[in-house]
Amino acid sequence: MPPTAHAMPTFSYSERDLARFRETQQLAYHCAEQVAAWIEPGVTERQTTAELRRRLVAAGVQDFFHVPFAWFGDRTAFRHFHTPLQFFAGSRRLEEGMPYVLDCAPVVDGYTADIGYGGKVGENRVWDRLAADLQVYRELILTEVRARKPLNEVYAAVDAQIAAHGYDNRHQVYPGRVIGHQVTRNTARGPAGVNVFGFGVRTLQTLGRDLISERLHGRSPLWADGRSSRHAPTPGLWAVEPHIGFRGVGIKFEELLVVTEDDAYWLDDDLPHVRRWTAATTTTTPAPAEPTAPAEPTAPTEPAAAATAEPTAQEATR
C-alpha cells in the first residue's frame, strides 16, 4: 500500500483555468474534425498528421504536449506494435472501409489538452458497434472515480468491461500501459515547439518534475494498473483515453477529467463522441422492451463477420 502519512493535494485550478483548459480542448477537437472532413482514401498517416499540425498552429497552438498521431486500419488497434517508434505516423494509406484515429495534444498559453478522435471512411459495422459501446467506458470511469476507487482498481474495472464486451484492451499497448495521465498548466521555460522522442521539451521538463514530486508522496501522474497507481484519484486534471479493439478495428476517446477532493466530472460534454451518442439516443424510437441499456453489453458476433467482408461504400462517413 502507498504511504498514508501524506495528505492528498487540494484542487488548485480556478474557474478561469478550467475555462482555458476547455477552450484548448475544444480547439483540439475542432481541428481534428476539420481533418476528419479533409481526409479521403489515398492519403497517408504522415500527410494527415502534417495537416493536423498545420491547422492547430494556424488556430494559435504554440507548443505540443506530444506530436500529432494518426493511425489507419488495423493500426488503430495497435496490431503488431512492438516498439514505441511504431506509434509515429507512417506510410499507411487510407482505404474505403478503414477506421482511423487522430490524436493531438496542443498547448496554448501553457494550458494543455490531449484528445483522441475516432472515425471511419465508408461502411464498417465493427467500428459502428465499438463506437456505440465506447460510451459505457466514459460512464464507468466517472462512476468509479467519483467513488474514490484507487486508480489501479478503476483500470481493472475497465478491463473487466472490455472482457464483457468481447473486445481487447489496447491502451495497455501504450508505453507504461497507461489509460491516462495528469495534465497541468505548463510553466516550464524550455524552447517551445521543440520535440524529443515525440514529446515537447517543456512537456518532458514538466513530466519529470511531476514524476519526482508525486513519487515522493506515493503517487504517480501516470495512470496504469501497477503499484504506482494504487492510490485514490489525485485532485487535478487527467487526460483519460480508454482504447478498445476488435480484430483489425480500434477506437478510443481521450478527454480531460476533472478530479476534486470529493467529486469528479468530465470537463466538457460538448464533444464529438458525446454528441454522436446523444444523436443516436434521440433518433431511436423509445421501446421499453428493446435492450438498449449499455450496462448489458454483448460480444459483437454479427459485426465480427463483417470485419472480414470487403467494404463497398462509395461515400465517406465521418
C-alpha atoms as a PDB file:
ATOM      1  CA  MET A   1       0.000   0.000   0.000  1.00  0.00           C
ATOM      2  CA  PRO A   2       1.240   3.550  -0.634  1.00  0.00           C
ATOM      3  CA  PRO A   3       2.309   5.712   2.283  1.00  0.00           C
ATOM      4  CA  THR A   4      -0.593   7.221   4.214  1.00  0.00           C
ATOM      5  CA  ALA A   5       1.275   9.961   6.041  1.00  0.00           C
ATOM      6  CA  HIS A   6       0.997  12.388   3.152  1.00  0.00           C
ATOM      7  CA  ALA A   7      -2.295  14.186   2.606  1.00  0.00           C
ATOM      8  CA  MET A   8      -3.725  14.386  -0.892  1.00  0.00           C
ATOM      9  CA  PRO A   9      -3.222  17.785  -2.557  1.00  0.00           C
ATOM     10  CA  THR A  10      -6.143  20.166  -2.882  1.00  0.00           C
ATOM     11  CA  PHE A  11      -7.689  21.109  -6.196  1.00  0.00           C
ATOM     12  CA  SER A  12      -5.673  24.082  -7.407  1.00  0.00           C
ATOM     13  CA  TYR A  13      -7.448  25.351 -10.537  1.00  0.00           C
ATOM     14  CA  SER A  14      -9.797  28.325 -10.739  1.00  0.00           C
ATOM     15  CA  GLU A  15     -12.891  28.539 -12.923  1.00  0.00           C
ATOM     16  CA  ARG A  16     -10.857  30.711 -15.291  1.00  0.00           C
ATOM     17  CA  ASP A  17      -8.209  27.990 -15.509  1.00  0.00           C
ATOM     18  CA  LEU A  18     -10.843  25.362 -16.277  1.00  0.00           C
ATOM     19  CA  ALA A  19     -12.319  27.611 -18.955  1.00  0.00           C
ATOM     20  CA  ARG A  20      -8.896  27.919 -20.617  1.00  0.00           C
ATOM     21  CA  PHE A  21      -8.322  24.142 -20.493  1.00  0.00           C
ATOM     22  CA  ARG A  22     -11.795  23.697 -22.002  1.00  0.00           C
ATOM     23  CA  GLU A  23     -11.039  26.182 -24.782  1.00  0.00           C
ATOM     24  CA  THR A  24      -7.837  24.341 -25.655  1.00  0.00           C
ATOM     25  CA  GLN A  25      -9.649  21.006 -25.698  1.00  0.00           C
ATOM     26  CA  GLN A  26     -12.386  22.448 -27.920  1.00  0.00           C
ATOM     27  CA  LEU A  27      -9.736  23.842 -30.270  1.00  0.00           C
ATOM     28  CA  ALA A  28      -8.081  20.408 -30.498  1.00  0.00           C
ATOM     29  CA  TYR A  29     -11.329  18.624 -31.287  1.00  0.00           C
ATOM     30  CA  HIS A  30     -12.328  21.309 -33.777  1.00  0.00           C
ATOM     31  CA  CYS A  31      -9.090  20.826 -35.709  1.00  0.00           C
ATOM     32  CA  ALA A  32      -9.490  17.043 -35.556  1.00  0.00           C
ATOM     33  CA  GLU A  33     -12.985  17.363 -37.011  1.00  0.00           C
ATOM     34  CA  GLN A  34     -11.642  19.595 -39.788  1.00  0.00           C
ATOM     35  CA  VAL A  35      -9.027  16.993 -40.671  1.00  0.00           C
ATOM     36  CA  ALA A  36     -11.634  14.216 -40.494  1.00  0.00           C
ATOM     37  CA  ALA A  37     -13.596  16.131 -43.145  1.00  0.00           C
ATOM     38  CA  TRP A  38     -10.426  16.622 -45.199  1.00  0.00           C
ATOM     39  CA  ILE A  39      -9.047  13.088 -45.302  1.00  0.00           C
ATOM     40  CA  GLU A  40     -10.024  10.721 -48.095  1.00  0.00           C
ATOM     41  CA  PRO A  41      -8.853   7.398 -49.492  1.00  0.00           C
ATOM     42  CA  GLY A  42      -5.258   7.619 -50.649  1.00  0.00           C
ATOM     43  CA  VAL A  43      -3.881   9.988 -48.006  1.00  0.00           C
ATOM     44  CA  THR A  44      -1.177   8.674 -45.699  1.00  0.00           C
ATOM     45  CA  GLU A  45      -0.806   8.887 -41.948  1.00  0.00           C
ATOM     46  CA  ARG A  46       2.148  11.270 -42.370  1.00  0.00           C
ATOM     47  CA  GLN A  47       0.145  13.590 -44.616  1.00  0.00           C
ATOM     48  CA  THR A  48      -2.691  13.535 -42.099  1.00  0.00           C
ATOM     49  CA  THR A  49      -0.526  14.434 -39.094  1.00  0.00           C
ATOM     50  CA  ALA A  50       1.094  17.232 -41.112  1.00  0.00           C
ATOM     51  CA  GLU A  51      -2.345  18.627 -41.950  1.00  0.00           C
ATOM     52  CA  LEU A  52      -3.475  18.307 -38.324  1.00  0.00           C
ATOM     53  CA  ARG A  53      -0.376  20.145 -37.104  1.00  0.00           C
ATOM     54  CA  ARG A  54      -0.848  22.869 -39.734  1.00  0.00           C
ATOM     55  CA  ARG A  55      -4.427  23.512 -38.653  1.00  0.00           C
ATOM     56  CA  LEU A  56      -3.526  23.528 -34.954  1.00  0.00           C
ATOM     57  CA  VAL A  57      -0.722  26.037 -35.450  1.00  0.00           C
ATOM     58  CA  ALA A  58      -2.981  28.223 -37.611  1.00  0.00           C
ATOM     59  CA  ALA A  59      -5.519  28.170 -34.753  1.00  0.00           C
ATOM     60  CA  GLY A  60      -2.964  29.553 -32.300  1.00  0.00           C
ATOM     61  CA  VAL A  61      -1.256  26.482 -30.835  1.00  0.00           C
ATOM     62  CA  GLN A  62       2.204  27.406 -29.570  1.00  0.00           C
ATOM     63  CA  ASP A  63       3.550  24.051 -28.424  1.00  0.00           C
ATOM     64  CA  PHE A  64       2.618  20.376 -28.163  1.00  0.00           C
ATOM     65  CA  PHE A  65       2.462  18.005 -25.224  1.00  0.00           C
ATOM     66  CA  HIS A  66       3.259  15.393 -27.866  1.00  0.00           C
ATOM     67  CA  VAL A  67       3.350  15.435 -31.653  1.00  0.00           C
ATOM     68  CA  PRO A  68       0.103  14.645 -33.517  1.00  0.00           C
ATOM     69  CA  PHE A  69      -0.574  10.988 -34.311  1.00  0.00           C
ATOM     70  CA  ALA A  70      -2.740   9.294 -36.935  1.00  0.00           C
ATOM     71  CA  TRP A  71      -3.413   5.568 -37.212  1.00  0.00           C
ATOM     72  CA  PHE A  72      -5.240   3.874 -40.097  1.00  0.00           C
ATOM     73  CA  GLY A  73      -6.735   0.409 -40.497  1.00  0.00           C
ATOM     74  CA  ASP A  74      -5.523  -2.285 -38.105  1.00  0.00           C
ATOM     75  CA  ARG A  75      -3.012   0.216 -36.747  1.00  0.00           C
ATOM     76  CA  THR A  76      -5.971   1.777 -34.891  1.00  0.00           C
ATOM     77  CA  ALA A  77      -5.917  -1.391 -32.767  1.00  0.00           C
ATOM     78  CA  PHE A  78      -2.104  -1.317 -32.433  1.00  0.00           C
ATOM     79  CA  ARG A  79      -1.813  -4.740 -34.036  1.00  0.00           C
ATOM     80  CA  HIS A  80       1.809  -5.930 -34.211  1.00  0.00           C
ATOM     81  CA  PHE A  81       3.125  -2.911 -32.293  1.00  0.00           C
ATOM     82  CA  HIS A  82       6.356  -3.870 -30.556  1.00  0.00           C
ATOM     83  CA  THR A  83       8.341  -0.636 -30.203  1.00  0.00           C
ATOM     84  CA  PRO A  84       7.428   2.991 -29.378  1.00  0.00           C
ATOM     85  CA  LEU A  85       8.556   4.055 -32.861  1.00  0.00           C
ATOM     86  CA  GLN A  86       5.559   2.252 -34.364  1.00  0.00           C
ATOM     87  CA  PHE A  87       3.211   4.815 -32.808  1.00  0.00           C
ATOM     88  CA  PHE A  88       4.531   7.542 -35.089  1.00  0.00           C
ATOM     89  CA  ALA A  89       2.691   8.241 -38.329  1.00  0.00           C
ATOM     90  CA  GLY A  90       3.815   6.072 -41.210  1.00  0.00           C
ATOM     91  CA  SER A  91       3.146   5.462 -44.876  1.00  0.00           C
ATOM     92  CA  ARG A  92      -0.135   3.566 -44.399  1.00  0.00           C
ATOM     93  CA  ARG A  93      -2.709   4.846 -46.875  1.00  0.00           C
ATOM     94  CA  LEU A  94      -6.357   5.251 -46.006  1.00  0.00           C
ATOM     95  CA  GLU A  95      -8.769   2.975 -47.881  1.00  0.00           C
ATOM     96  CA  GLU A  96     -12.548   2.678 -48.118  1.00  0.00           C
ATOM     97  CA  GLY A  97     -13.935   0.919 -45.045  1.00  0.00           C
ATOM     98  CA  MET A  98     -10.924   1.717 -42.865  1.00  0.00           C
ATOM     99  CA  PRO A  99     -11.165   3.127 -39.353  1.00  0.00           C
ATOM    100  CA  TYR A 100      -8.806   5.879 -38.285  1.00  0.00           C
ATOM    101  CA  VAL A 101      -7.772   7.564 -35.035  1.00  0.00           C
ATOM    102  CA  LEU A 102      -6.415  11.102 -34.712  1.00  0.00           C
ATOM    103  CA  ASP A 103      -4.576  12.078 -31.534  1.00  0.00           C
ATOM    104  CA  CYS A 104      -3.189  15.500 -30.702  1.00  0.00           C
ATOM    105  CA  ALA A 105      -2.112  17.398 -27.591  1.00  0.00           C
ATOM    106  CA  PRO A 106      -1.870  21.147 -28.178  1.00  0.00           C
ATOM    107  CA  VAL A 107      -0.639  23.714 -25.659  1.00  0.00           C
ATOM    108  CA  VAL A 108      -1.947  27.301 -25.637  1.00  0.00           C
ATOM    109  CA  ASP A 109      -0.544  29.716 -23.040  1.00  0.00           C
ATOM    110  CA  GLY A 110       0.544  26.709 -21.007  1.00  0.00           C
ATOM    111  CA  TYR A 111      -2.946  25.157 -20.990  1.00  0.00           C
ATOM    112  CA  THR A 112      -2.772  21.619 -22.340  1.00  0.00           C
ATOM    113  CA  ALA A 113      -5.336  19.321 -23.922  1.00  0.00           C
ATOM    114  CA  ASP A 114      -4.861  15.754 -25.109  1.00  0.00           C
ATOM    115  CA  ILE A 115      -7.599  14.366 -27.340  1.00  0.00           C
ATOM    116  CA  GLY A 116      -8.412  11.275 -29.358  1.00  0.00           C
ATOM    117  CA  TYR A 117     -10.831  11.296 -32.283  1.00  0.00           C
ATOM    118  CA  GLY A 118     -12.058   8.097 -33.911  1.00  0.00           C
ATOM    119  CA  GLY A 119     -13.674   7.867 -37.325  1.00  0.00           C
ATOM    120  CA  LYS A 120     -14.106   5.702 -40.412  1.00  0.00           C
ATOM    121  CA  VAL A 121     -14.278   6.075 -44.171  1.00  0.00           C
ATOM    122  CA  GLY A 122     -17.179   4.239 -45.741  1.00  0.00           C
ATOM    123  CA  GLU A 123     -19.020   1.380 -44.070  1.00  0.00           C
ATOM    124  CA  ASN A 124     -17.560  -0.579 -41.174  1.00  0.00           C
ATOM    125  CA  ARG A 125     -20.090  -2.357 -38.944  1.00  0.00           C
ATOM    126  CA  VAL A 126     -17.480  -3.370 -36.392  1.00  0.00           C
ATOM    127  CA  TRP A 127     -16.474   0.273 -35.938  1.00  0.00           C
ATOM    128  CA  ASP A 128     -20.143   1.222 -35.520  1.00  0.00           C
ATOM    129  CA  ARG A 129     -20.541  -1.293 -32.715  1.00  0.00           C
ATOM    130  CA  LEU A 130     -17.342  -0.283 -30.915  1.00  0.00           C
ATOM    131  CA  ALA A 131     -18.142   3.407 -31.267  1.00  0.00           C
ATOM    132  CA  ALA A 132     -21.532   2.894 -29.611  1.00  0.00           C
ATOM    133  CA  ASP A 133     -20.138   0.714 -26.812  1.00  0.00           C
ATOM    134  CA  LEU A 134     -17.393   3.234 -26.047  1.00  0.00           C
ATOM    135  CA  GLN A 135     -19.999   5.275 -24.154  1.00  0.00           C
ATOM    136  CA  VAL A 136     -20.060   2.622 -21.435  1.00  0.00           C
ATOM    137  CA  TYR A 137     -16.426   3.315 -20.547  1.00  0.00           C
ATOM    138  CA  ARG A 138     -16.945   7.048 -20.166  1.00  0.00           C
ATOM    139  CA  GLU A 139     -19.767   6.417 -17.699  1.00  0.00           C
ATOM    140  CA  LEU A 140     -17.909   3.634 -15.892  1.00  0.00           C
ATOM    141  CA  ILE A 141     -14.723   5.635 -15.366  1.00  0.00           C
ATOM    142  CA  LEU A 142     -16.632   8.604 -13.958  1.00  0.00           C
ATOM    143  CA  THR A 143     -18.621   6.397 -11.562  1.00  0.00           C
ATOM    144  CA  GLU A 144     -15.517   4.629 -10.278  1.00  0.00           C
ATOM    145  CA  VAL A 145     -13.505   7.812  -9.825  1.00  0.00           C
ATOM    146  CA  ARG A 146     -16.380   9.504  -8.024  1.00  0.00           C
ATOM    147  CA  ALA A 147     -16.400   6.530  -5.648  1.00  0.00           C
ATOM    148  CA  ARG A 148     -12.732   7.337  -4.893  1.00  0.00           C
ATOM    149  CA  LYS A 149     -11.595   3.909  -6.015  1.00  0.00           C
ATOM    150  CA  PRO A 150      -7.811   3.563  -6.340  1.00  0.00           C
ATOM    151  CA  LEU A 151      -6.738   4.265  -9.909  1.00  0.00           C
ATOM    152  CA  ASN A 152      -5.447   0.738 -10.476  1.00  0.00           C
ATOM    153  CA  GLU A 153      -8.865  -0.608  -9.444  1.00  0.00           C
ATOM    154  CA  VAL A 154     -10.610   1.720 -11.898  1.00  0.00           C
ATOM    155  CA  TYR A 155      -8.249   0.366 -14.555  1.00  0.00           C
ATOM    156  CA  ALA A 156      -9.243  -3.185 -13.554  1.00  0.00           C
ATOM    157  CA  ALA A 157     -12.945  -2.286 -13.801  1.00  0.00           C
ATOM    158  CA  VAL A 158     -12.363  -1.027 -17.339  1.00  0.00           C
ATOM    159  CA  ASP A 159     -10.517  -4.263 -18.150  1.00  0.00           C
ATOM    160  CA  ALA A 160     -13.478  -6.280 -16.854  1.00  0.00           C
ATOM    161  CA  GLN A 161     -15.893  -4.308 -19.024  1.00  0.00           C
ATOM    162  CA  ILE A 162     -13.686  -4.782 -22.076  1.00  0.00           C
ATOM    163  CA  ALA A 163     -13.732  -8.543 -21.464  1.00  0.00           C
ATOM    164  CA  ALA A 164     -17.521  -8.466 -21.017  1.00  0.00           C
ATOM    165  CA  HIS A 165     -17.845  -6.788 -24.406  1.00  0.00           C
ATOM    166  CA  GLY A 166     -15.575  -9.363 -26.000  1.00  0.00           C
ATOM    167  CA  TYR A 167     -13.038  -6.715 -27.013  1.00  0.00           C
ATOM    168  CA  ASP A 168      -9.310  -6.207 -26.441  1.00  0.00           C
ATOM    169  CA  ASN A 169      -7.668  -3.681 -24.138  1.00  0.00           C
ATOM    170  CA  ARG A 170      -5.494  -1.622 -26.472  1.00  0.00           C
ATOM    171  CA  HIS A 171      -4.388   1.146 -24.087  1.00  0.00           C
ATOM    172  CA  GLN A 172      -2.214  -1.493 -22.445  1.00  0.00           C
ATOM    173  CA  VAL A 173      -0.008  -1.241 -25.542  1.00  0.00           C
ATOM    174  CA  TYR A 174       0.867   2.392 -24.789  1.00  0.00           C
ATOM    175  CA  PRO A 175       4.231   2.894 -23.067  1.00  0.00           C
ATOM    176  CA  GLY A 176       3.667   2.221 -19.375  1.00  0.00           C
ATOM    177  CA  ARG A 177       0.275   0.573 -20.128  1.00  0.00           C
ATOM    178  CA  VAL A 178      -1.353   3.919 -19.294  1.00  0.00           C
ATOM    179  CA  ILE A 179      -5.046   4.675 -19.620  1.00  0.00           C
ATOM    180  CA  GLY A 180      -4.430   8.269 -18.624  1.00  0.00           C
ATOM    181  CA  HIS A 181      -2.076  10.868 -17.218  1.00  0.00           C
ATOM    182  CA  GLN A 182      -2.277  14.090 -15.265  1.00  0.00           C
ATOM    183  CA  VAL A 183      -2.368  17.390 -17.119  1.00  0.00           C
ATOM    184  CA  THR A 184      -1.097  20.576 -15.536  1.00  0.00           C
ATOM    185  CA  ARG A 185      -0.551  24.100 -16.728  1.00  0.00           C
ATOM    186  CA  ASN A 186       2.853  24.007 -18.373  1.00  0.00           C
ATOM    187  CA  THR A 187       5.139  26.625 -16.841  1.00  0.00           C
ATOM    188  CA  ALA A 188       8.475  25.174 -17.978  1.00  0.00           C
ATOM    189  CA  ARG A 189      10.869  27.552 -19.727  1.00  0.00           C
ATOM    190  CA  GLY A 190      12.366  25.278 -22.360  1.00  0.00           C
ATOM    191  CA  PRO A 191      12.131  26.132 -26.070  1.00  0.00           C
ATOM    192  CA  ALA A 192       8.566  25.982 -27.410  1.00  0.00           C
ATOM    193  CA  GLY A 193       7.876  23.756 -30.399  1.00  0.00           C
ATOM    194  CA  VAL A 194      10.963  21.557 -29.893  1.00  0.00           C
ATOM    195  CA  ASN A 195      10.261  17.825 -29.566  1.00  0.00           C
ATOM    196  CA  VAL A 196      12.332  14.937 -28.249  1.00  0.00           C
ATOM    197  CA  PHE A 197      11.065  11.397 -28.900  1.00  0.00           C
ATOM    198  CA  GLY A 198       7.692  12.875 -29.840  1.00  0.00           C
ATOM    199  CA  PHE A 199       7.252  14.911 -26.655  1.00  0.00           C
ATOM    200  CA  GLY A 200       7.753  18.642 -26.297  1.00  0.00           C
ATOM    201  CA  VAL A 201      10.821  19.712 -24.348  1.00  0.00           C
ATOM    202  CA  ARG A 202       8.596  21.659 -21.976  1.00  0.00           C
ATOM    203  CA  THR A 203       6.442  18.559 -21.553  1.00  0.00           C
ATOM    204  CA  LEU A 204       9.436  16.455 -20.577  1.00  0.00           C
ATOM    205  CA  GLN A 205      10.531  19.078 -18.052  1.00  0.00           C
ATOM    206  CA  THR A 206       7.052  19.217 -16.532  1.00  0.00           C
ATOM    207  CA  LEU A 207       6.604  15.437 -16.518  1.00  0.00           C
ATOM    208  CA  GLY A 208       9.977  14.927 -14.884  1.00  0.00           C
ATOM    209  CA  ARG A 209       9.142  17.431 -12.166  1.00  0.00           C
ATOM    210  CA  ASP A 210       5.704  15.904 -11.567  1.00  0.00           C
ATOM    211  CA  LEU A 211       7.027  12.338 -11.503  1.00  0.00           C
ATOM    212  CA  ILE A 212       9.552  13.192  -8.826  1.00  0.00           C
ATOM    213  CA  SER A 213       7.061  15.204  -6.768  1.00  0.00           C
ATOM    214  CA  GLU A 214       4.292  12.614  -6.921  1.00  0.00           C
ATOM    215  CA  ARG A 215       6.552   9.626  -6.266  1.00  0.00           C
ATOM    216  CA  LEU A 216       7.795  11.309  -3.096  1.00  0.00           C
ATOM    217  CA  HIS A 217       4.187  11.215  -1.908  1.00  0.00           C
ATOM    218  CA  GLY A 218       3.465   7.656  -3.018  1.00  0.00           C
ATOM    219  CA  ARG A 219       1.550   8.728  -6.123  1.00  0.00           C
ATOM    220  CA  SER A 220       2.124   8.884  -9.860  1.00  0.00           C
ATOM    221  CA  PRO A 221       0.931  11.317 -12.573  1.00  0.00           C
ATOM    222  CA  LEU A 222       0.652   8.273 -14.871  1.00  0.00           C
ATOM    223  CA  TRP A 223      -2.483   6.140 -14.567  1.00  0.00           C
ATOM    224  CA  ALA A 224      -1.852   2.451 -15.178  1.00  0.00           C
ATOM    225  CA  ASP A 225      -2.575  -0.881 -13.486  1.00  0.00           C
ATOM    226  CA  GLY A 226       0.610  -1.251 -11.437  1.00  0.00           C
ATOM    227  CA  ARG A 227       1.752  -0.469  -7.898  1.00  0.00           C
ATOM    228  CA  SER A 228       2.361   3.216  -8.601  1.00  0.00           C
ATOM    229  CA  SER A 229      -1.373   3.690  -9.294  1.00  0.00           C
ATOM    230  CA  ARG A 230      -2.565   2.138  -6.032  1.00  0.00           C
ATOM    231  CA  HIS A 231      -3.878   5.417  -4.702  1.00  0.00           C
ATOM    232  CA  ALA A 232      -7.078   7.440  -4.811  1.00  0.00           C
ATOM    233  CA  PRO A 233      -7.512   9.777  -7.778  1.00  0.00           C
ATOM    234  CA  THR A 234      -5.291  12.810  -7.271  1.00  0.00           C
ATOM    235  CA  PRO A 235      -7.140  16.140  -7.456  1.00  0.00           C
ATOM    236  CA  GLY A 236      -6.397  17.911 -10.715  1.00  0.00           C
ATOM    237  CA  LEU A 237      -6.970  17.284 -14.414  1.00  0.00           C
ATOM    238  CA  TRP A 238      -6.461  13.888 -16.037  1.00  0.00           C
ATOM    239  CA  ALA A 239      -6.342  13.103 -19.761  1.00  0.00           C
ATOM    240  CA  VAL A 240      -8.149   9.755 -19.945  1.00  0.00           C
ATOM    241  CA  GLU A 241      -8.078   7.507 -23.029  1.00  0.00           C
ATOM    242  CA  PRO A 242      -9.814   4.122 -22.897  1.00  0.00           C
ATOM    243  CA  HIS A 243      -8.799   2.389 -26.127  1.00  0.00           C
ATOM    244  CA  ILE A 244     -10.661  -0.733 -27.230  1.00  0.00           C
ATOM    245  CA  GLY A 245     -10.233  -3.027 -30.199  1.00  0.00           C
ATOM    246  CA  PHE A 246     -11.776  -5.953 -32.025  1.00  0.00           C
ATOM    247  CA  ARG A 247      -9.703  -7.727 -34.668  1.00  0.00           C
ATOM    248  CA  GLY A 248      -8.426  -5.015 -37.022  1.00  0.00           C
ATOM    249  CA  VAL A 249     -10.557  -2.192 -35.647  1.00  0.00           C
ATOM    250  CA  GLY A 250      -9.627   0.081 -32.765  1.00  0.00           C
ATOM    251  CA  ILE A 251     -11.258   3.187 -31.343  1.00  0.00           C
ATOM    252  CA  LYS A 252     -10.849   5.490 -28.381  1.00  0.00           C
ATOM    253  CA  PHE A 253     -11.804   8.832 -26.999  1.00  0.00           C
ATOM    254  CA  GLU A 254      -9.463  10.998 -24.984  1.00  0.00           C
ATOM    255  CA  GLU A 255     -10.573  13.985 -22.956  1.00  0.00           C
ATOM    256  CA  LEU A 256      -9.991  15.815 -19.704  1.00  0.00           C
ATOM    257  CA  LEU A 257     -11.458  14.544 -16.434  1.00  0.00           C
ATOM    258  CA  VAL A 258     -11.659  16.993 -13.535  1.00  0.00           C
ATOM    259  CA  VAL A 259     -10.994  15.443 -10.122  1.00  0.00           C
ATOM    260  CA  THR A 260     -11.606  17.468  -6.971  1.00  0.00           C
ATOM    261  CA  GLU A 261     -11.132  16.435  -3.340  1.00  0.00           C
ATOM    262  CA  ASP A 262     -14.607  14.865  -3.196  1.00  0.00           C
ATOM    263  CA  ASP A 263     -16.023  14.731  -6.729  1.00  0.00           C
ATOM    264  CA  ALA A 264     -15.195  14.240 -10.398  1.00  0.00           C
ATOM    265  CA  TYR A 265     -16.704  15.283 -13.724  1.00  0.00           C
ATOM    266  CA  TRP A 266     -15.761  15.445 -17.376  1.00  0.00           C
ATOM    267  CA  LEU A 267     -14.549  18.929 -18.238  1.00  0.00           C
ATOM    268  CA  ASP A 268     -16.839  19.256 -21.274  1.00  0.00           C
ATOM    269  CA  ASP A 269     -19.778  17.278 -22.659  1.00  0.00           C
ATOM    270  CA  ASP A 270     -19.912  19.171 -25.950  1.00  0.00           C
ATOM    271  CA  LEU A 271     -17.527  16.806 -27.728  1.00  0.00           C
ATOM    272  CA  PRO A 272     -17.879  14.810 -30.972  1.00  0.00           C
ATOM    273  CA  HIS A 273     -18.228  11.360 -29.404  1.00  0.00           C
ATOM    274  CA  VAL A 274     -20.746  12.610 -26.814  1.00  0.00           C
ATOM    275  CA  ARG A 275     -22.779  14.365 -29.494  1.00  0.00           C
ATOM    276  CA  ARG A 276     -22.748  11.143 -31.545  1.00  0.00           C
ATOM    277  CA  TRP A 277     -24.127   9.114 -28.628  1.00  0.00           C
ATOM    278  CA  THR A 278     -26.756  11.771 -27.889  1.00  0.00           C
ATOM    279  CA  ALA A 279     -27.859  11.853 -31.519  1.00  0.00           C
ATOM    280  CA  ALA A 280     -28.133   8.058 -31.606  1.00  0.00           C
ATOM    281  CA  THR A 281     -30.319   8.134 -28.498  1.00  0.00           C
ATOM    282  CA  THR A 282     -32.643  10.854 -29.767  1.00  0.00           C
ATOM    283  CA  THR A 283     -33.130   9.211 -33.172  1.00  0.00           C
ATOM    284  CA  THR A 284     -34.024   5.842 -31.667  1.00  0.00           C
ATOM    285  CA  THR A 285     -37.749   5.285 -31.158  1.00  0.00           C
ATOM    286  CA  PRO A 286     -38.335   4.563 -27.449  1.00  0.00           C
ATOM    287  CA  ALA A 287     -39.270   0.945 -26.878  1.00  0.00           C
ATOM    288  CA  PRO A 288     -39.221  -0.345 -23.291  1.00  0.00           C
ATOM    289  CA  ALA A 289     -38.659  -3.930 -24.366  1.00  0.00           C
ATOM    290  CA  GLU A 290     -35.643  -3.120 -26.523  1.00  0.00           C
ATOM    291  CA  PRO A 291     -32.280  -3.907 -24.811  1.00  0.00           C
ATOM    292  CA  THR A 292     -30.581  -0.548 -25.267  1.00  0.00           C
ATOM    293  CA  ALA A 293     -29.007  -0.203 -21.812  1.00  0.00           C
ATOM    294  CA  PRO A 294     -25.193  -0.118 -22.107  1.00  0.00           C
ATOM    295  CA  ALA A 295     -24.878  -1.941 -18.769  1.00  0.00           C
ATOM    296  CA  GLU A 296     -25.646  -5.252 -20.504  1.00  0.00           C
ATOM    297  CA  PRO A 297     -23.186  -5.379 -23.432  1.00  0.00           C
ATOM    298  CA  THR A 298     -22.746  -8.473 -25.604  1.00  0.00           C
ATOM    299  CA  ALA A 299     -19.886  -9.585 -27.804  1.00  0.00           C
ATOM    300  CA  PRO A 300     -20.040  -8.248 -31.375  1.00  0.00           C
ATOM    301  CA  THR A 301     -20.934 -11.537 -33.083  1.00  0.00           C
ATOM    302  CA  GLU A 302     -22.671 -10.001 -36.101  1.00  0.00           C
ATOM    303  CA  PRO A 303     -20.153  -7.201 -36.745  1.00  0.00           C
ATOM    304  CA  ALA A 304     -17.345  -9.755 -36.380  1.00  0.00           C
ATOM    305  CA  ALA A 305     -18.467 -11.396 -39.569  1.00  0.00           C
ATOM    306  CA  ALA A 306     -18.474  -8.044 -41.282  1.00  0.00           C
ATOM    307  CA  ALA A 307     -14.876  -7.465 -40.296  1.00  0.00           C
ATOM    308  CA  THR A 308     -13.775  -9.933 -42.956  1.00  0.00           C
ATOM    309  CA  ALA A 309     -16.032  -8.554 -45.671  1.00  0.00           C
ATOM    310  CA  GLU A 310     -14.768  -6.234 -48.375  1.00  0.00           C
ATOM    311  CA  PRO A 311     -16.189  -2.693 -47.823  1.00  0.00           C
ATOM    312  CA  THR A 312     -18.414  -1.466 -50.626  1.00  0.00           C
ATOM    313  CA  ALA A 313     -19.426   2.051 -49.579  1.00  0.00           C
ATOM    314  CA  GLN A 314     -18.636   4.781 -52.049  1.00  0.00           C
ATOM    315  CA  GLU A 315     -19.348   7.694 -49.770  1.00  0.00           C
ATOM    316  CA  ALA A 316     -17.189   8.610 -46.747  1.00  0.00           C
ATOM    317  CA  THR A 317     -18.974   8.699 -43.399  1.00  0.00           C
ATOM    318  CA  ARG A 318     -17.397  10.824 -40.732  1.00  0.00           C
END
